[in-house]
Amino acid sequence: VQQDERRGTYHALVQAKNLFEEGERFFVLYGSTIHAREDFQACLYHP
């Protein structure tokens, strides 16, 4: 998905809005920060 204007992280996510189904969850990750796989798993225990 292309973000033509650099207008922040929320604006970037909105560019992909139409790709998500109602009721489905999705991860969002900054592209230059490394996280642990355990932290992804911990998130999955919550809505």
All heavy atoms as atom14 arrays in JSON, in Angstrom:
{
  "sequence": "VQQDERRGTYHALVQAKNLFEEGERFFVLYGSTIHAREDFQACLYHP",
  "atom14_mask": [
    [1, 1, 1, 1, 1, 1, 1, 0, 0, 0, 0, 0, 0, 0],
    [1, 1, 1, 1, 1, 1, 1, 1, 1, 0, 0, 0, 0, 0],
    [1, 1, 1, 1, 1, 1, 1, 1, 1, 0, 0, 0, 0, 0],
    [1, 1, 1, 1, 1, 1, 1, 1, 0, 0, 0, 0, 0, 0],
    [1, 1, 1, 1, 1, 1, 1, 1, 1, 0, 0, 0, 0, 0],
    [1, 1, 1, 1, 1, 1, 1, 1, 1, 1, 1, 0, 0, 0],
    [1, 1, 1, 1, 1, 1, 1, 1, 1, 1, 1, 0, 0, 0],
    [1, 1, 1, 1, 0, 0, 0, 0, 0, 0, 0, 0, 0, 0],
    [1, 1, 1, 1, 1, 1, 1, 0, 0, 0, 0, 0, 0, 0],
    [1, 1, 1, 1, 1, 1, 1, 1, 1, 1, 1, 1, 0, 0],
    [1, 1, 1, 1, 1, 1, 1, 1, 1, 1, 0, 0, 0, 0],
    [1, 1, 1, 1, 1, 0, 0, 0, 0, 0, 0, 0, 0, 0],
    [1, 1, 1, 1, 1, 1, 1, 1, 0, 0, 0, 0, 0, 0],
    [1, 1, 1, 1, 1, 1, 1, 0, 0, 0, 0, 0, 0, 0],
    [1, 1, 1, 1, 1, 1, 1, 1, 1, 0, 0, 0, 0, 0],
    [1, 1, 1, 1, 1, 0, 0, 0, 0, 0, 0, 0, 0, 0],
    [1, 1, 1, 1, 1, 1, 1, 1, 1, 0, 0, 0, 0, 0],
    [1, 1, 1, 1, 1, 1, 1, 1, 0, 0, 0, 0, 0, 0],
    [1, 1, 1, 1, 1, 1, 1, 1, 0, 0, 0, 0, 0, 0],
    [1, 1, 1, 1, 1, 1, 1, 1, 1, 1, 1, 0, 0, 0],
    [1, 1, 1, 1, 1, 1, 1, 1, 1, 0, 0, 0, 0, 0],
    [1, 1, 1, 1, 1, 1, 1, 1, 1, 0, 0, 0, 0, 0],
    [1, 1, 1, 1, 0, 0, 0, 0, 0, 0, 0, 0, 0, 0],
    [1, 1, 1, 1, 1, 1, 1, 1, 1, 0, 0, 0, 0, 0],
    [1, 1, 1, 1, 1, 1, 1, 1, 1, 1, 1, 0, 0, 0],
    [1, 1, 1, 1, 1, 1, 1, 1, 1, 1, 1, 0, 0, 0],
    [1, 1, 1, 1, 1, 1, 1, 1, 1, 1, 1, 0, 0, 0],
    [1, 1, 1, 1, 1, 1, 1, 0, 0, 0, 0, 0, 0, 0],
    [1, 1, 1, 1, 1, 1, 1, 1, 0, 0, 0, 0, 0, 0],
    [1, 1, 1, 1, 1, 1, 1, 1, 1, 1, 1, 1, 0, 0],
    [1, 1, 1, 1, 0, 0, 0, 0, 0, 0, 0, 0, 0, 0],
    [1, 1, 1, 1, 1, 1, 0, 0, 0, 0, 0, 0, 0, 0],
    [1, 1, 1, 1, 1, 1, 1, 0, 0, 0, 0, 0, 0, 0],
    [1, 1, 1, 1, 1, 1, 1, 1, 0, 0, 0, 0, 0, 0],
    [1, 1, 1, 1, 1, 1, 1, 1, 1, 1, 0, 0, 0, 0],
    [1, 1, 1, 1, 1, 0, 0, 0, 0, 0, 0, 0, 0, 0],
    [1, 1, 1, 1, 1, 1, 1, 1, 1, 1, 1, 0, 0, 0],
    [1, 1, 1, 1, 1, 1, 1, 1, 1, 0, 0, 0, 0, 0],
    [1, 1, 1, 1, 1, 1, 1, 1, 0, 0, 0, 0, 0, 0],
    [1, 1, 1, 1, 1, 1, 1, 1, 1, 1, 1, 0, 0, 0],
    [1, 1, 1, 1, 1, 1, 1, 1, 1, 0, 0, 0, 0, 0],
    [1, 1, 1, 1, 1, 0, 0, 0, 0, 0, 0, 0, 0, 0],
    [1, 1, 1, 1, 1, 1, 0, 0, 0, 0, 0, 0, 0, 0],
    [1, 1, 1, 1, 1, 1, 1, 1, 0, 0, 0, 0, 0, 0],
    [1, 1, 1, 1, 1, 1, 1, 1, 1, 1, 1, 1, 0, 0],
    [1, 1, 1, 1, 1, 1, 1, 1, 1, 1, 0, 0, 0, 0],
    [1, 1, 1, 1, 1, 1, 1, 0, 0, 0, 0, 0, 0, 0]
  ],
  "atom14_positions": [
    [[0.86, -1.17, 0.0], [0.0, 0.0, 0.0], [0.9, 1.23, 0.0], [1.89, 1.29, 0.75], [-0.92, 0.01, 1.24], [-1.75, 1.29, 1.27], [-1.82, -1.21, 1.25], [0.0, 0.0, 0.0], [0.0, 0.0, 0.0], [0.0, 0.0, 0.0], [0.0, 0.0, 0.0], [0.0, 0.0, 0.0], [0.0, 0.0, 0.0], [0.0, 0.0, 0.0]],
    [[0.57, 2.2, -0.81], [1.4, 3.4, -0.95], [0.88, 4.52, -0.06], [-0.32, 4.83, -0.06], [1.39, 3.87, -2.41], [2.32, 5.02, -2.7], [3.78, 4.59, -2.81], [4.07, 3.41, -3.06], [4.69, 5.52, -2.62], [0.0, 0.0, 0.0], [0.0, 0.0, 0.0], [0.0, 0.0, 0.0], [0.0, 0.0, 0.0], [0.0, 0.0, 0.0]],
    [[1.77, 5.13, 0.71], [1.47, 6.36, 1.43], [2.22, 7.49, 0.72], [3.42, 7.66, 0.9], [1.9, 6.29, 2.9], [1.49, 7.53, 3.7], [2.09, 7.56, 5.1], [3.13, 6.95, 5.36], [1.44, 8.28, 6.0], [0.0, 0.0, 0.0], [0.0, 0.0, 0.0], [0.0, 0.0, 0.0], [0.0, 0.0, 0.0], [0.0, 0.0, 0.0]],
    [[1.5, 8.24, -0.07], [2.14, 9.27, -0.9], [2.57, 10.48, -0.09], [3.58, 11.11, -0.39], [1.2, 9.69, -2.03], [0.99, 8.58, -3.04], [1.96, 7.88, -3.36], [-0.15, 8.4, -3.49], [0.0, 0.0, 0.0], [0.0, 0.0, 0.0], [0.0, 0.0, 0.0], [0.0, 0.0, 0.0], [0.0, 0.0, 0.0], [0.0, 0.0, 0.0]],
    [[1.8, 10.81, 0.94], [2.14, 11.93, 1.81], [2.58, 11.38, 3.15], [1.92, 10.51, 3.72], [0.94, 12.85, 2.02], [0.41, 13.51, 0.77], [-0.79, 14.39, 1.1], [-0.58, 15.56, 1.46], [-1.92, 13.89, 0.99], [0.0, 0.0, 0.0], [0.0, 0.0, 0.0], [0.0, 0.0, 0.0], [0.0, 0.0, 0.0], [0.0, 0.0, 0.0]],
    [[3.69, 11.9, 3.68], [4.18, 11.46, 5.0], [3.42, 12.22, 6.07], [3.82, 13.31, 6.47], [5.68, 11.7, 5.13], [6.5, 11.19, 3.98], [6.42, 9.68, 3.79], [7.22, 9.32, 2.63], [6.74, 9.19, 1.4], [5.44, 9.36, 1.18], [7.53, 8.87, 0.4], [0.0, 0.0, 0.0], [0.0, 0.0, 0.0], [0.0, 0.0, 0.0]],
    [[2.3, 11.64, 6.5], [1.45, 12.36, 7.45], [1.23, 11.56, 8.72], [0.19, 11.66, 9.35], [0.13, 12.74, 6.79], [0.31, 13.52, 5.5], [-0.9, 14.31, 5.12], [-1.13, 15.43, 6.02], [-2.17, 16.26, 5.94], [-3.06, 16.09, 4.99], [-2.31, 17.26, 6.78], [0.0, 0.0, 0.0], [0.0, 0.0, 0.0], [0.0, 0.0, 0.0]],
    [[2.2, 10.71, 9.1], [2.14, 10.04, 10.37], [1.7, 8.59, 10.32], [1.25, 8.08, 9.29], [0.0, 0.0, 0.0], [0.0, 0.0, 0.0], [0.0, 0.0, 0.0], [0.0, 0.0, 0.0], [0.0, 0.0, 0.0], [0.0, 0.0, 0.0], [0.0, 0.0, 0.0], [0.0, 0.0, 0.0], [0.0, 0.0, 0.0], [0.0, 0.0, 0.0]],
    [[1.83, 7.94, 11.47], [1.57, 6.5, 11.55], [0.09, 6.15, 11.39], [-0.25, 5.13, 10.79], [2.1, 5.94, 12.88], [1.6, 6.74, 13.97], [3.62, 5.97, 12.91], [0.0, 0.0, 0.0], [0.0, 0.0, 0.0], [0.0, 0.0, 0.0], [0.0, 0.0, 0.0], [0.0, 0.0, 0.0], [0.0, 0.0, 0.0], [0.0, 0.0, 0.0]],
    [[-0.79, 6.98, 11.95], [-2.21, 6.7, 11.78], [-2.61, 6.88, 10.32], [-3.34, 6.04, 9.76], [-3.07, 7.59, 12.68], [-4.55, 7.27, 12.59], [-5.07, 6.21, 13.32], [-5.4, 8.01, 11.78], [-6.42, 5.89, 13.24], [-6.75, 7.7, 11.69], [-7.25, 6.64, 12.42], [-8.59, 6.31, 12.33], [0.0, 0.0, 0.0], [0.0, 0.0, 0.0]],
    [[-2.16, 7.93, 9.71], [-2.44, 8.17, 8.3], [-1.92, 7.01, 7.45], [-2.59, 6.57, 6.5], [-1.81, 9.48, 7.86], [-2.05, 9.83, 6.42], [-1.16, 9.49, 5.42], [-3.07, 10.48, 5.82], [-1.63, 9.93, 4.26], [-2.78, 10.53, 4.47], [0.0, 0.0, 0.0], [0.0, 0.0, 0.0], [0.0, 0.0, 0.0], [0.0, 0.0, 0.0]],
    [[-0.75, 6.48, 7.79], [-0.2, 5.34, 7.05], [-1.1, 4.12, 7.17], [-1.38, 3.43, 6.18], [1.2, 5.02, 7.58], [0.0, 0.0, 0.0], [0.0, 0.0, 0.0], [0.0, 0.0, 0.0], [0.0, 0.0, 0.0], [0.0, 0.0, 0.0], [0.0, 0.0, 0.0], [0.0, 0.0, 0.0], [0.0, 0.0, 0.0], [0.0, 0.0, 0.0]],
    [[-1.58, 3.83, 8.38], [-2.45, 2.68, 8.57], [-3.76, 2.83, 7.81], [-4.28, 1.85, 7.24], [-2.71, 2.47, 10.06], [-3.63, 1.29, 10.43], [-3.04, -0.02, 9.93], [-3.86, 1.24, 11.94], [0.0, 0.0, 0.0], [0.0, 0.0, 0.0], [0.0, 0.0, 0.0], [0.0, 0.0, 0.0], [0.0, 0.0, 0.0], [0.0, 0.0, 0.0]],
    [[-4.31, 4.02, 7.79], [-5.58, 4.25, 7.1], [-5.48, 3.91, 5.61], [-6.47, 3.51, 5.0], [-6.04, 5.72, 7.31], [-7.19, 6.08, 6.38], [-6.45, 5.94, 8.77], [0.0, 0.0, 0.0], [0.0, 0.0, 0.0], [0.0, 0.0, 0.0], [0.0, 0.0, 0.0], [0.0, 0.0, 0.0], [0.0, 0.0, 0.0], [0.0, 0.0, 0.0]],
    [[-4.29, 4.04, 5.04], [-4.13, 3.71, 3.63], [-4.45, 2.23, 3.35], [-4.8, 1.86, 2.23], [-2.71, 4.02, 3.15], [-2.22, 5.43, 3.44], [-3.23, 6.5, 3.09], [-3.64, 6.64, 1.93], [-3.65, 7.27, 4.09], [0.0, 0.0, 0.0], [0.0, 0.0, 0.0], [0.0, 0.0, 0.0], [0.0, 0.0, 0.0], [0.0, 0.0, 0.0]],
    [[-4.34, 1.39, 4.38], [-4.61, -0.05, 4.23], [-5.99, -0.44, 4.76], [-6.31, -1.62, 4.83], [-3.53, -0.86, 4.96], [0.0, 0.0, 0.0], [0.0, 0.0, 0.0], [0.0, 0.0, 0.0], [0.0, 0.0, 0.0], [0.0, 0.0, 0.0], [0.0, 0.0, 0.0], [0.0, 0.0, 0.0], [0.0, 0.0, 0.0], [0.0, 0.0, 0.0]],
    [[-6.8, 0.53, 5.11], [-8.08, 0.28, 5.78], [-8.95, -0.74, 5.06], [-9.58, -1.6, 5.69], [-8.83, 1.61, 5.92], [-10.22, 1.51, 6.52], [-10.86, 2.89, 6.61], [-12.27, 2.81, 7.19], [-12.88, 4.17, 7.29], [0.0, 0.0, 0.0], [0.0, 0.0, 0.0], [0.0, 0.0, 0.0], [0.0, 0.0, 0.0], [0.0, 0.0, 0.0]],
    [[-9.02, -0.69, 3.75], [-9.93, -1.55, 3.0], [-9.46, -3.01, 2.9], [-10.17, -3.85, 2.35], [-10.13, -1.0, 1.59], [-10.86, 0.34, 1.6], [-11.65, 0.63, 2.5], [-10.59, 1.17, 0.59], [0.0, 0.0, 0.0], [0.0, 0.0, 0.0], [0.0, 0.0, 0.0], [0.0, 0.0, 0.0], [0.0, 0.0, 0.0], [0.0, 0.0, 0.0]],
    [[-8.3, -3.31, 3.44], [-7.77, -4.67, 3.35], [-8.13, -5.53, 4.56], [-7.8, -6.72, 4.58], [-6.24, -4.63, 3.21], [-5.7, -3.87, 2.0], [-4.18, -3.95, 1.95], [-6.31, -4.41, 0.71], [0.0, 0.0, 0.0], [0.0, 0.0, 0.0], [0.0, 0.0, 0.0], [0.0, 0.0, 0.0], [0.0, 0.0, 0.0], [0.0, 0.0, 0.0]],
    [[-8.84, -4.96, 5.54], [-9.15, -5.69, 6.77], [-10.63, -6.04, 6.82], [-11.49, -5.21, 6.52], [-8.78, -4.86, 8.0], [-7.37, -4.36, 7.98], [-7.1, -3.0, 7.94], [-6.31, -5.23, 7.99], [-5.81, -2.52, 7.91], [-5.0, -4.77, 7.96], [-4.75, -3.41, 7.92], [0.0, 0.0, 0.0], [0.0, 0.0, 0.0], [0.0, 0.0, 0.0]],
    [[-10.91, -7.27, 7.22], [-12.28, -7.75, 7.34], [-12.87, -7.36, 8.69], [-12.17, -7.27, 9.69], [-12.33, -9.27, 7.17], [-11.84, -9.78, 5.82], [-12.75, -9.39, 4.68], [-13.96, -9.17, 4.95], [-12.27, -9.31, 3.54], [0.0, 0.0, 0.0], [0.0, 0.0, 0.0], [0.0, 0.0, 0.0], [0.0, 0.0, 0.0], [0.0, 0.0, 0.0]],
    [[-14.18, -7.16, 8.72], [-14.88, -6.86, 9.97], [-14.71, -8.02, 10.94], [-14.87, -9.19, 10.58], [-16.36, -6.62, 9.69], [-17.11, -6.01, 10.86], [-16.66, -4.59, 11.16], [-16.46, -3.83, 10.2], [-16.52, -4.26, 12.35], [0.0, 0.0, 0.0], [0.0, 0.0, 0.0], [0.0, 0.0, 0.0], [0.0, 0.0, 0.0], [0.0, 0.0, 0.0]],
    [[-14.37, -7.71, 12.18], [-14.23, -8.73, 13.2], [-12.86, -9.37, 13.27], [-12.57, -10.1, 14.22], [0.0, 0.0, 0.0], [0.0, 0.0, 0.0], [0.0, 0.0, 0.0], [0.0, 0.0, 0.0], [0.0, 0.0, 0.0], [0.0, 0.0, 0.0], [0.0, 0.0, 0.0], [0.0, 0.0, 0.0], [0.0, 0.0, 0.0], [0.0, 0.0, 0.0]],
    [[-12.0, -9.11, 12.29], [-10.66, -9.68, 12.29], [-9.68, -8.74, 13.0], [-9.8, -7.52, 12.93], [-10.19, -9.92, 10.86], [-10.96, -10.99, 10.11], [-10.76, -12.36, 10.7], [-9.63, -12.66, 11.14], [-11.74, -13.14, 10.74], [0.0, 0.0, 0.0], [0.0, 0.0, 0.0], [0.0, 0.0, 0.0], [0.0, 0.0, 0.0], [0.0, 0.0, 0.0]],
    [[-8.7, -9.34, 13.67], [-7.64, -8.55, 14.29], [-6.41, -8.55, 13.4], [-6.22, -9.44, 12.57], [-7.28, -9.12, 15.66], [-8.44, -9.08, 16.65], [-7.99, -9.58, 18.01], [-7.53, -10.98, 17.96], [-6.88, -11.59, 18.95], [-6.57, -10.92, 20.04], [-6.52, -12.85, 18.82], [0.0, 0.0, 0.0], [0.0, 0.0, 0.0], [0.0, 0.0, 0.0]],
    [[-5.58, -7.54, 13.58], [-4.35, -7.46, 12.79], [-3.27, -6.76, 13.6], [-3.54, -5.88, 14.42], [-4.6, -6.7, 11.47], [-5.29, -5.38, 11.63], [-4.57, -4.2, 11.82], [-6.68, -5.3, 11.59], [-5.22, -2.98, 11.96], [-7.35, -4.08, 11.74], [-6.61, -2.92, 11.91], [0.0, 0.0, 0.0], [0.0, 0.0, 0.0], [0.0, 0.0, 0.0]],
    [[-2.04, -7.19, 13.38], [-0.9, -6.53, 14.01], [-0.47, -5.32, 13.19], [-0.57, -5.31, 11.96], [0.29, -7.49, 14.13], [0.21, -8.45, 15.26], [-0.07, -9.79, 15.03], [0.41, -8.03, 16.57], [-0.15, -10.7, 16.09], [0.33, -8.92, 17.64], [0.06, -10.26, 17.39], [0.0, 0.0, 0.0], [0.0, 0.0, 0.0], [0.0, 0.0, 0.0]],
    [[0.02, -4.31, 13.88], [0.64, -3.16, 13.24], [2.02, -2.98, 13.87], [2.16, -3.01, 15.1], [-0.19, -1.87, 13.42], [0.52, -0.67, 12.8], [-1.58, -2.05, 12.8], [0.0, 0.0, 0.0], [0.0, 0.0, 0.0], [0.0, 0.0, 0.0], [0.0, 0.0, 0.0], [0.0, 0.0, 0.0], [0.0, 0.0, 0.0], [0.0, 0.0, 0.0]],
    [[3.02, -2.82, 13.03], [4.39, -2.8, 13.5], [5.17, -1.69, 12.82], [5.1, -1.53, 11.59], [5.04, -4.16, 13.18], [6.42, -4.47, 13.75], [6.38, -4.48, 15.28], [6.88, -5.83, 13.23], [0.0, 0.0, 0.0], [0.0, 0.0, 0.0], [0.0, 0.0, 0.0], [0.0, 0.0, 0.0], [0.0, 0.0, 0.0], [0.0, 0.0, 0.0]],
    [[5.89, -0.91, 13.61], [6.8, 0.07, 13.02], [7.92, -0.68, 12.29], [8.48, -1.65, 12.81], [7.42, 0.97, 14.09], [6.45, 1.9, 14.79], [6.84, 2.61, 15.92], [5.16, 2.08, 14.32], [5.96, 3.48, 16.57], [4.28, 2.95, 14.95], [4.68, 3.64, 16.09], [3.81, 4.49, 16.72], [0.0, 0.0, 0.0], [0.0, 0.0, 0.0]],
    [[8.28, -0.2, 11.11], [9.19, -0.94, 10.26], [10.64, -0.89, 10.63], [11.47, -1.51, 9.97], [0.0, 0.0, 0.0], [0.0, 0.0, 0.0], [0.0, 0.0, 0.0], [0.0, 0.0, 0.0], [0.0, 0.0, 0.0], [0.0, 0.0, 0.0], [0.0, 0.0, 0.0], [0.0, 0.0, 0.0], [0.0, 0.0, 0.0], [0.0, 0.0, 0.0]],
    [[10.99, -0.19, 11.71], [12.4, -0.11, 12.11], [12.6, -0.43, 13.59], [13.61, -0.02, 14.17], [12.95, 1.29, 11.79], [12.2, 2.28, 12.47], [0.0, 0.0, 0.0], [0.0, 0.0, 0.0], [0.0, 0.0, 0.0], [0.0, 0.0, 0.0], [0.0, 0.0, 0.0], [0.0, 0.0, 0.0], [0.0, 0.0, 0.0], [0.0, 0.0, 0.0]],
    [[11.66, -1.16, 14.17], [11.78, -1.54, 15.58], [11.64, -3.05, 15.71], [10.67, -3.63, 15.21], [10.72, -0.86, 16.45], [10.83, 0.56, 16.32], [10.88, -1.24, 17.91], [0.0, 0.0, 0.0], [0.0, 0.0, 0.0], [0.0, 0.0, 0.0], [0.0, 0.0, 0.0], [0.0, 0.0, 0.0], [0.0, 0.0, 0.0], [0.0, 0.0, 0.0]],
    [[12.61, -3.68, 16.35], [12.61, -5.13, 16.54], [11.94, -5.45, 17.87], [12.3, -4.89, 18.91], [14.03, -5.7, 16.52], [14.75, -5.29, 15.24], [14.01, -7.21, 16.67], [16.24, -5.62, 15.24], [0.0, 0.0, 0.0], [0.0, 0.0, 0.0], [0.0, 0.0, 0.0], [0.0, 0.0, 0.0], [0.0, 0.0, 0.0], [0.0, 0.0, 0.0]],
    [[10.96, -6.35, 17.83], [10.3, -6.83, 19.04], [10.48, -8.34, 19.17], [10.84, -9.01, 18.2], [8.8, -6.52, 19.0], [8.47, -5.07, 19.13], [8.44, -4.2, 18.07], [8.15, -4.32, 20.23], [8.12, -2.99, 18.49], [7.95, -3.03, 19.79], [0.0, 0.0, 0.0], [0.0, 0.0, 0.0], [0.0, 0.0, 0.0], [0.0, 0.0, 0.0]],
    [[10.2, -8.84, 20.35], [10.32, -10.28, 20.59], [9.05, -11.01, 20.16], [7.95, -10.49, 20.3], [10.58, -10.54, 22.07], [0.0, 0.0, 0.0], [0.0, 0.0, 0.0], [0.0, 0.0, 0.0], [0.0, 0.0, 0.0], [0.0, 0.0, 0.0], [0.0, 0.0, 0.0], [0.0, 0.0, 0.0], [0.0, 0.0, 0.0], [0.0, 0.0, 0.0]],
    [[9.23, -12.22, 19.65], [8.08, -13.03, 19.27], [7.16, -13.27, 20.49], [5.94, -13.32, 20.35], [8.53, -14.36, 18.67], [7.37, -15.21, 18.19], [7.83, -16.4, 17.37], [8.49, -15.97, 16.15], [8.88, -16.82, 15.2], [8.7, -18.12, 15.36], [9.45, -16.37, 14.11], [0.0, 0.0, 0.0], [0.0, 0.0, 0.0], [0.0, 0.0, 0.0]],
    [[7.75, -13.4, 21.68], [6.93, -13.59, 22.88], [5.97, -12.44, 23.1], [4.87, -12.63, 23.63], [7.83, -13.75, 24.11], [8.61, -15.04, 24.17], [9.95, -14.95, 23.45], [10.16, -13.98, 22.69], [10.78, -15.84, 23.66], [0.0, 0.0, 0.0], [0.0, 0.0, 0.0], [0.0, 0.0, 0.0], [0.0, 0.0, 0.0], [0.0, 0.0, 0.0]],
    [[6.35, -11.25, 22.7], [5.48, -10.09, 22.89], [4.3, -10.12, 21.93], [3.19, -9.71, 22.28], [6.28, -8.8, 22.73], [7.24, -8.58, 23.89], [6.89, -8.94, 25.02], [8.34, -8.05, 23.66], [0.0, 0.0, 0.0], [0.0, 0.0, 0.0], [0.0, 0.0, 0.0], [0.0, 0.0, 0.0], [0.0, 0.0, 0.0], [0.0, 0.0, 0.0]],
    [[4.51, -10.62, 20.72], [3.39, -10.82, 19.8], [2.4, -11.82, 20.41], [1.19, -11.6, 20.39], [3.88, -11.35, 18.45], [4.58, -10.34, 17.6], [5.95, -10.15, 17.71], [3.89, -9.58, 16.67], [6.61, -9.24, 16.9], [4.53, -8.65, 15.87], [5.9, -8.48, 15.99], [0.0, 0.0, 0.0], [0.0, 0.0, 0.0], [0.0, 0.0, 0.0]],
    [[2.94, -12.89, 20.94], [2.08, -13.92, 21.53], [1.31, -13.38, 22.72], [0.13, -13.7, 22.9], [2.93, -15.13, 21.96], [3.61, -15.87, 20.82], [2.61, -16.62, 19.94], [1.45, -16.81, 20.3], [3.06, -17.06, 18.78], [0.0, 0.0, 0.0], [0.0, 0.0, 0.0], [0.0, 0.0, 0.0], [0.0, 0.0, 0.0], [0.0, 0.0, 0.0]],
    [[1.94, -12.55, 23.53], [1.26, -11.98, 24.69], [0.09, -11.1, 24.26], [-0.97, -11.09, 24.9], [2.25, -11.17, 25.53], [0.0, 0.0, 0.0], [0.0, 0.0, 0.0], [0.0, 0.0, 0.0], [0.0, 0.0, 0.0], [0.0, 0.0, 0.0], [0.0, 0.0, 0.0], [0.0, 0.0, 0.0], [0.0, 0.0, 0.0], [0.0, 0.0, 0.0]],
    [[0.25, -10.38, 23.16], [-0.83, -9.53, 22.66], [-2.05, -10.36, 22.27], [-3.2, -9.9, 22.43], [-0.35, -8.73, 21.45], [0.82, -7.41, 21.82], [0.0, 0.0, 0.0], [0.0, 0.0, 0.0], [0.0, 0.0, 0.0], [0.0, 0.0, 0.0], [0.0, 0.0, 0.0], [0.0, 0.0, 0.0], [0.0, 0.0, 0.0], [0.0, 0.0, 0.0]],
    [[-1.83, -11.56, 21.77], [-2.94, -12.38, 21.26], [-3.92, -12.8, 22.34], [-5.03, -13.25, 22.03], [-2.38, -13.61, 20.54], [-1.68, -13.34, 19.2], [-1.02, -14.61, 18.68], [-2.68, -12.8, 18.18], [0.0, 0.0, 0.0], [0.0, 0.0, 0.0], [0.0, 0.0, 0.0], [0.0, 0.0, 0.0], [0.0, 0.0, 0.0], [0.0, 0.0, 0.0]],
    [[-3.54, -12.68, 23.6], [-4.45, -13.03, 24.7], [-5.49, -11.94, 24.96], [-6.36, -12.12, 25.81], [-3.65, -13.29, 25.98], [-2.88, -14.59, 25.97], [-1.51, -14.59, 25.75], [-3.51, -15.81, 26.16], [-0.79, -15.78, 25.73], [-2.81, -17.0, 26.14], [-1.44, -16.97, 25.93], [-0.73, -18.15, 25.89], [0.0, 0.0, 0.0], [0.0, 0.0, 0.0]],
    [[-5.41, -10.84, 24.24], [-6.31, -9.72, 24.46], [-6.98, -9.32, 23.14], [-6.42, -9.52, 22.07], [-5.53, -8.52, 25.01], [-4.72, -8.86, 26.23], [-5.26, -8.93, 27.48], [-3.4, -9.18, 26.36], [-4.32, -9.25, 28.35], [-3.18, -9.41, 27.7], [0.0, 0.0, 0.0], [0.0, 0.0, 0.0], [0.0, 0.0, 0.0], [0.0, 0.0, 0.0]],
    [[-8.19, -8.76, 23.2], [-8.85, -8.32, 21.97], [-8.05, -7.27, 21.21], [-7.96, -7.29, 19.99], [-10.18, -7.75, 22.47], [-10.43, -8.41, 23.77], [-9.07, -8.6, 24.38], [0.0, 0.0, 0.0], [0.0, 0.0, 0.0], [0.0, 0.0, 0.0], [0.0, 0.0, 0.0], [0.0, 0.0, 0.0], [0.0, 0.0, 0.0], [0.0, 0.0, 0.0]]
  ]
}
